[in-house]
Amino acid sequence: MAINSNCKKCPYYNSKKCDGKDVNCICRFCPRNLGLCIATKWCKETESSIVFE
């Protein structure tokens, strides 16, 4: 299974809390740049704030 570029930028994936196999995760199908969304704490796809716990 290939991990897409958004998964590689996800804090959960990088801290080994996620293996990148959750098919419902926005990281898997979002066309946006997750790195930018994390920096701004805003999801441009859903127009909502993002909080990583």
N, C-alpha and C. Protein backbone atom coordinates (compact mmCIF):
# COMPACT_ATOMS: atom_id res chain seq x y z
N MET A 1 0.84 -1.19 0.00
CA MET A 1 0.00 0.00 0.00
C MET A 1 0.88 1.24 0.00
N ALA A 2 0.59 2.16 -0.87
CA ALA A 2 1.35 3.40 -0.94
C ALA A 2 0.75 4.44 0.00
N ILE A 3 1.59 5.12 0.72
CA ILE A 3 1.16 6.20 1.60
C ILE A 3 1.23 7.48 0.78
N ASN A 4 0.14 8.25 0.73
CA ASN A 4 0.18 9.47 -0.07
C ASN A 4 0.94 10.58 0.65
N SER A 5 1.19 11.67 -0.06
CA SER A 5 2.02 12.74 0.50
C SER A 5 1.36 13.41 1.71
N ASN A 6 0.03 13.47 1.76
CA ASN A 6 -0.63 14.07 2.93
C ASN A 6 -0.43 13.23 4.18
N CYS A 7 -0.44 11.91 4.05
CA CYS A 7 -0.19 11.06 5.22
C CYS A 7 1.20 11.32 5.79
N LYS A 8 2.16 11.55 4.92
CA LYS A 8 3.52 11.79 5.37
C LYS A 8 3.66 13.09 6.16
N LYS A 9 2.70 14.01 6.01
CA LYS A 9 2.73 15.29 6.72
C LYS A 9 1.87 15.27 7.99
N CYS A 10 1.13 14.19 8.20
CA CYS A 10 0.20 14.11 9.32
C CYS A 10 0.93 13.83 10.64
N PRO A 11 0.62 14.61 11.69
CA PRO A 11 1.27 14.39 12.98
C PRO A 11 0.99 13.00 13.56
N TYR A 12 -0.19 12.45 13.32
CA TYR A 12 -0.53 11.12 13.84
C TYR A 12 0.30 10.04 13.15
N TYR A 13 0.47 10.18 11.85
CA TYR A 13 1.29 9.22 11.10
C TYR A 13 2.75 9.31 11.53
N ASN A 14 3.24 10.53 11.67
CA ASN A 14 4.64 10.73 12.05
C ASN A 14 4.95 10.28 13.47
N SER A 15 3.96 10.32 14.36
CA SER A 15 4.18 9.88 15.74
C SER A 15 3.78 8.42 15.93
N LYS A 16 3.52 7.71 14.81
CA LYS A 16 3.20 6.27 14.82
C LYS A 16 1.86 5.95 15.49
N LYS A 17 0.96 6.96 15.60
CA LYS A 17 -0.38 6.71 16.14
C LYS A 17 -1.32 6.23 15.04
N CYS A 18 -0.88 6.35 13.79
CA CYS A 18 -1.66 5.92 12.64
C CYS A 18 -0.73 5.22 11.66
N ASP A 19 -1.23 4.17 11.03
CA ASP A 19 -0.39 3.45 10.06
C ASP A 19 -0.68 3.86 8.62
N GLY A 20 -1.57 4.83 8.43
CA GLY A 20 -1.89 5.31 7.09
C GLY A 20 -2.89 4.45 6.35
N LYS A 21 -3.53 3.52 7.03
CA LYS A 21 -4.46 2.60 6.37
C LYS A 21 -5.94 2.94 6.59
N ASP A 22 -6.22 4.00 7.33
CA ASP A 22 -7.61 4.39 7.57
C ASP A 22 -8.18 5.04 6.31
N VAL A 23 -9.03 4.31 5.60
CA VAL A 23 -9.55 4.80 4.32
C VAL A 23 -10.53 5.96 4.48
N ASN A 24 -11.02 6.22 5.68
CA ASN A 24 -11.94 7.33 5.92
C ASN A 24 -11.23 8.61 6.35
N CYS A 25 -9.92 8.55 6.54
CA CYS A 25 -9.17 9.72 7.00
C CYS A 25 -9.05 10.76 5.89
N ILE A 26 -9.22 12.02 6.23
CA ILE A 26 -9.13 13.09 5.22
C ILE A 26 -7.75 13.15 4.58
N CYS A 27 -6.73 12.70 5.27
CA CYS A 27 -5.38 12.70 4.70
C CYS A 27 -5.31 11.84 3.44
N ARG A 28 -6.09 10.79 3.39
CA ARG A 28 -6.04 9.84 2.28
C ARG A 28 -6.66 10.39 1.00
N PHE A 29 -7.71 11.21 1.11
CA PHE A 29 -8.41 11.63 -0.11
C PHE A 29 -8.45 13.13 -0.34
N CYS A 30 -7.92 13.91 0.58
CA CYS A 30 -7.98 15.36 0.44
C CYS A 30 -7.02 15.84 -0.66
N PRO A 31 -7.51 16.66 -1.60
CA PRO A 31 -6.64 17.17 -2.67
C PRO A 31 -5.77 18.34 -2.23
N ARG A 32 -5.99 18.84 -1.03
CA ARG A 32 -5.24 20.00 -0.53
C ARG A 32 -3.91 19.58 0.07
N ASN A 33 -3.07 20.56 0.36
CA ASN A 33 -1.78 20.32 0.99
C ASN A 33 -1.96 20.31 2.50
N LEU A 34 -1.88 19.14 3.11
CA LEU A 34 -2.11 19.00 4.55
C LEU A 34 -1.11 19.81 5.37
N GLY A 35 0.12 19.93 4.89
CA GLY A 35 1.13 20.71 5.61
C GLY A 35 0.69 22.15 5.81
N LEU A 36 0.11 22.75 4.79
CA LEU A 36 -0.39 24.12 4.88
C LEU A 36 -1.57 24.19 5.84
N CYS A 37 -2.46 23.21 5.78
CA CYS A 37 -3.62 23.19 6.66
C CYS A 37 -3.20 23.07 8.13
N ILE A 38 -2.17 22.27 8.39
CA ILE A 38 -1.67 22.11 9.75
C ILE A 38 -1.08 23.43 10.25
N ALA A 39 -0.32 24.11 9.39
CA ALA A 39 0.31 25.37 9.76
C ALA A 39 -0.72 26.45 10.08
N THR A 40 -1.80 26.50 9.30
CA THR A 40 -2.82 27.53 9.50
C THR A 40 -3.93 27.09 10.46
N LYS A 41 -3.94 25.79 10.80
CA LYS A 41 -4.98 25.20 11.64
C LYS A 41 -6.38 25.42 11.05
N TRP A 42 -6.44 25.38 9.72
CA TRP A 42 -7.70 25.59 9.02
C TRP A 42 -7.78 24.64 7.83
N CYS A 43 -8.89 23.94 7.72
CA CYS A 43 -9.11 23.02 6.60
C CYS A 43 -9.86 23.77 5.50
N LYS A 44 -9.20 23.97 4.37
CA LYS A 44 -9.84 24.67 3.25
C LYS A 44 -10.89 23.80 2.57
N GLU A 45 -10.78 22.51 2.71
CA GLU A 45 -11.74 21.59 2.08
C GLU A 45 -13.09 21.61 2.79
N THR A 46 -13.06 21.60 4.12
CA THR A 46 -14.30 21.59 4.90
C THR A 46 -14.65 22.95 5.48
N GLU A 47 -13.75 23.95 5.27
CA GLU A 47 -13.94 25.30 5.81
C GLU A 47 -14.17 25.27 7.32
N SER A 48 -13.29 24.56 8.02
CA SER A 48 -13.40 24.46 9.47
C SER A 48 -12.00 24.41 10.09
N SER A 49 -11.96 24.69 11.38
CA SER A 49 -10.67 24.65 12.08
C SER A 49 -10.25 23.21 12.32
N ILE A 50 -8.93 23.00 12.46
CA ILE A 50 -8.39 21.66 12.72
C ILE A 50 -7.66 21.69 14.05
N VAL A 51 -7.88 20.65 14.84
CA VAL A 51 -7.18 20.50 16.11
C VAL A 51 -6.58 19.11 16.15
N PHE A 52 -5.27 19.03 16.32
CA PHE A 52 -4.60 17.74 16.48
C PHE A 52 -4.31 17.56 17.97
N GLU A 53 -4.79 16.47 18.53
CA GLU A 53 -4.60 16.21 19.97
C GLU A 53 -3.48 15.25 20.20
